[in-house]
N, C-alpha and C. Protein backbone atom coordinates (compact mmCIF):
# COMPACT_ATOMS: atom_id res chain seq x y z
N MET A 1 -15.14 6.71 -9.73
CA MET A 1 -14.32 7.64 -10.48
C MET A 1 -12.87 7.54 -10.00
N ALA A 2 -11.95 7.41 -10.93
CA ALA A 2 -10.54 7.25 -10.59
C ALA A 2 -9.94 8.55 -10.08
N GLU A 3 -9.05 8.42 -9.09
CA GLU A 3 -8.32 9.57 -8.56
C GLU A 3 -6.87 9.45 -9.00
N THR A 4 -6.20 10.59 -9.08
CA THR A 4 -4.83 10.57 -9.60
C THR A 4 -3.78 11.14 -8.66
N ASP A 5 -4.14 11.49 -7.42
CA ASP A 5 -3.13 11.93 -6.45
C ASP A 5 -2.22 10.75 -6.13
N ASP A 6 -0.91 10.99 -6.08
CA ASP A 6 0.00 9.90 -5.72
C ASP A 6 -0.22 9.49 -4.28
N ARG A 7 -0.18 8.22 -4.05
CA ARG A 7 -0.22 7.67 -2.71
C ARG A 7 0.61 6.41 -2.73
N TYR A 8 0.86 5.84 -1.58
CA TYR A 8 1.70 4.66 -1.50
C TYR A 8 0.91 3.53 -0.89
N ALA A 9 1.24 2.33 -1.32
CA ALA A 9 0.55 1.14 -0.83
C ALA A 9 1.59 0.06 -0.57
N TYR A 10 1.27 -0.79 0.36
CA TYR A 10 2.16 -1.89 0.73
C TYR A 10 1.40 -3.20 0.60
N SER A 11 1.98 -4.15 -0.10
CA SER A 11 1.39 -5.48 -0.20
C SER A 11 2.00 -6.36 0.87
N ARG A 12 1.19 -6.71 1.85
CA ARG A 12 1.67 -7.60 2.92
C ARG A 12 1.85 -9.01 2.39
N LEU A 13 1.16 -9.34 1.34
CA LEU A 13 1.27 -10.67 0.76
C LEU A 13 2.63 -10.87 0.07
N THR A 14 3.08 -9.85 -0.66
CA THR A 14 4.33 -9.97 -1.41
C THR A 14 5.48 -9.17 -0.80
N ASP A 15 5.22 -8.43 0.31
CA ASP A 15 6.24 -7.61 0.96
C ASP A 15 6.82 -6.59 -0.02
N THR A 16 5.93 -5.89 -0.73
CA THR A 16 6.34 -4.95 -1.77
C THR A 16 5.64 -3.61 -1.58
N TRP A 17 6.40 -2.52 -1.76
CA TRP A 17 5.85 -1.16 -1.73
C TRP A 17 5.57 -0.69 -3.14
N TYR A 18 4.49 0.09 -3.29
CA TYR A 18 4.12 0.64 -4.60
C TYR A 18 3.79 2.12 -4.48
N ARG A 19 4.12 2.88 -5.52
CA ARG A 19 3.59 4.24 -5.68
C ARG A 19 2.39 4.08 -6.59
N VAL A 20 1.24 4.47 -6.09
CA VAL A 20 -0.01 4.31 -6.83
C VAL A 20 -0.41 5.69 -7.35
N PHE A 21 -0.61 5.79 -8.66
CA PHE A 21 -0.92 7.10 -9.22
C PHE A 21 -2.24 7.15 -9.96
N ASP A 22 -3.00 6.09 -9.96
CA ASP A 22 -4.36 6.09 -10.51
C ASP A 22 -5.11 4.98 -9.77
N TYR A 23 -6.18 5.35 -9.07
CA TYR A 23 -6.86 4.37 -8.23
C TYR A 23 -8.32 4.74 -8.03
N ASP A 24 -9.09 3.76 -7.59
CA ASP A 24 -10.49 3.95 -7.22
C ASP A 24 -10.63 3.63 -5.74
N HIS A 25 -11.45 4.41 -5.03
CA HIS A 25 -11.75 4.12 -3.63
C HIS A 25 -12.76 2.97 -3.56
N VAL A 26 -12.55 2.06 -2.62
CA VAL A 26 -13.47 0.94 -2.43
C VAL A 26 -14.29 1.19 -1.17
N GLU A 27 -13.65 1.21 -0.02
CA GLU A 27 -14.31 1.52 1.25
C GLU A 27 -13.26 2.04 2.22
N GLY A 28 -13.60 3.05 2.97
CA GLY A 28 -12.65 3.62 3.91
C GLY A 28 -11.38 4.05 3.21
N ASP A 29 -10.24 3.59 3.71
CA ASP A 29 -8.95 3.90 3.10
C ASP A 29 -8.56 2.90 2.03
N LYS A 30 -9.36 1.89 1.80
CA LYS A 30 -9.02 0.86 0.82
C LYS A 30 -9.18 1.39 -0.60
N ILE A 31 -8.25 0.97 -1.45
CA ILE A 31 -8.29 1.40 -2.85
C ILE A 31 -8.07 0.20 -3.76
N ILE A 32 -8.42 0.39 -5.02
CA ILE A 32 -8.05 -0.54 -6.08
C ILE A 32 -7.13 0.24 -7.00
N ALA A 33 -5.90 -0.22 -7.15
CA ALA A 33 -4.92 0.47 -7.99
C ALA A 33 -5.16 0.15 -9.45
N ASN A 34 -5.26 1.20 -10.25
CA ASN A 34 -5.36 1.04 -11.70
C ASN A 34 -3.99 1.16 -12.35
N SER A 35 -3.12 1.98 -11.77
CA SER A 35 -1.75 2.17 -12.25
C SER A 35 -0.83 2.30 -11.04
N LYS A 36 0.24 1.52 -11.05
CA LYS A 36 1.18 1.56 -9.92
C LYS A 36 2.56 1.17 -10.41
N GLU A 37 3.56 1.53 -9.61
CA GLU A 37 4.92 1.10 -9.90
C GLU A 37 5.57 0.68 -8.59
N GLU A 38 6.37 -0.36 -8.65
CA GLU A 38 7.07 -0.83 -7.47
C GLU A 38 8.15 0.17 -7.09
N VAL A 39 8.28 0.43 -5.79
CA VAL A 39 9.32 1.34 -5.29
C VAL A 39 10.03 0.69 -4.12
N ALA A 40 11.25 1.14 -3.87
CA ALA A 40 12.00 0.67 -2.71
C ALA A 40 11.44 1.32 -1.46
N ARG A 41 11.51 0.61 -0.34
CA ARG A 41 10.97 1.14 0.92
C ARG A 41 11.59 2.49 1.26
N GLU A 42 12.88 2.66 1.00
CA GLU A 42 13.53 3.92 1.34
C GLU A 42 13.06 5.10 0.48
N ASP A 43 12.33 4.83 -0.59
CA ASP A 43 11.76 5.89 -1.43
C ASP A 43 10.35 6.29 -1.00
N VAL A 44 9.80 5.60 -0.01
CA VAL A 44 8.45 5.90 0.48
C VAL A 44 8.54 7.02 1.52
N PRO A 45 7.75 8.08 1.37
CA PRO A 45 7.78 9.17 2.36
C PRO A 45 7.45 8.66 3.77
N GLN A 46 8.10 9.24 4.76
CA GLN A 46 7.95 8.82 6.15
C GLN A 46 6.49 8.81 6.59
N GLU A 47 5.69 9.79 6.16
CA GLU A 47 4.29 9.84 6.57
C GLU A 47 3.53 8.58 6.15
N TRP A 48 3.89 8.00 5.02
CA TRP A 48 3.22 6.76 4.58
C TRP A 48 3.74 5.56 5.36
N LEU A 49 5.02 5.55 5.68
CA LEU A 49 5.57 4.45 6.47
C LEU A 49 4.90 4.38 7.84
N GLU A 50 4.57 5.53 8.40
CA GLU A 50 3.93 5.58 9.72
C GLU A 50 2.47 5.16 9.67
N ARG A 51 1.83 5.32 8.53
CA ARG A 51 0.39 5.03 8.41
C ARG A 51 0.07 3.59 8.05
N ILE A 52 1.04 2.89 7.47
CA ILE A 52 0.75 1.58 6.89
C ILE A 52 1.37 0.46 7.72
N ASP A 53 0.58 -0.57 7.95
CA ASP A 53 1.00 -1.75 8.71
C ASP A 53 1.86 -2.64 7.82
N GLU A 54 3.11 -2.85 8.21
CA GLU A 54 4.03 -3.67 7.42
C GLU A 54 4.19 -5.09 7.95
N ARG A 55 3.42 -5.46 8.95
CA ARG A 55 3.56 -6.83 9.47
C ARG A 55 3.21 -7.83 8.37
N PRO A 56 4.01 -8.85 8.19
CA PRO A 56 3.67 -9.87 7.19
C PRO A 56 2.38 -10.59 7.57
N LEU A 57 1.67 -11.07 6.59
CA LEU A 57 0.43 -11.80 6.84
C LEU A 57 0.69 -13.02 7.71
N GLN A 58 1.83 -13.65 7.57
CA GLN A 58 2.19 -14.84 8.34
C GLN A 58 2.12 -14.57 9.84
N ALA A 59 2.49 -13.39 10.29
CA ALA A 59 2.49 -13.06 11.71
C ALA A 59 1.10 -13.16 12.32
N GLU A 60 0.09 -12.80 11.57
CA GLU A 60 -1.28 -12.88 12.08
C GLU A 60 -1.76 -14.32 12.19
N THR A 61 -1.44 -15.14 11.21
CA THR A 61 -1.93 -16.51 11.22
C THR A 61 -1.19 -17.37 12.23
N ASP A 62 0.09 -17.05 12.51
CA ASP A 62 0.85 -17.81 13.49
C ASP A 62 0.32 -17.64 14.91
N SER A 63 -0.26 -16.48 15.21
CA SER A 63 -0.70 -16.21 16.56
C SER A 63 -2.08 -16.80 16.87
N GLN A 64 -2.73 -17.36 15.90
CA GLN A 64 -4.08 -17.91 16.12
C GLN A 64 -4.05 -19.36 16.51
């Protein structure tokens, strides 16, 4: 069942922030966005910036 509370998501693959306003829960905190819009990082509430890992995917693969 889709939820409609606004939340924010970060794509580590594309280095893009989104405001997600319609989504389905997959497992744990993971979601599948049904409706989203790209937003600037400075428009993301501080609480979301603190919760989400912004390290690029490249950083993980370089250390292996």
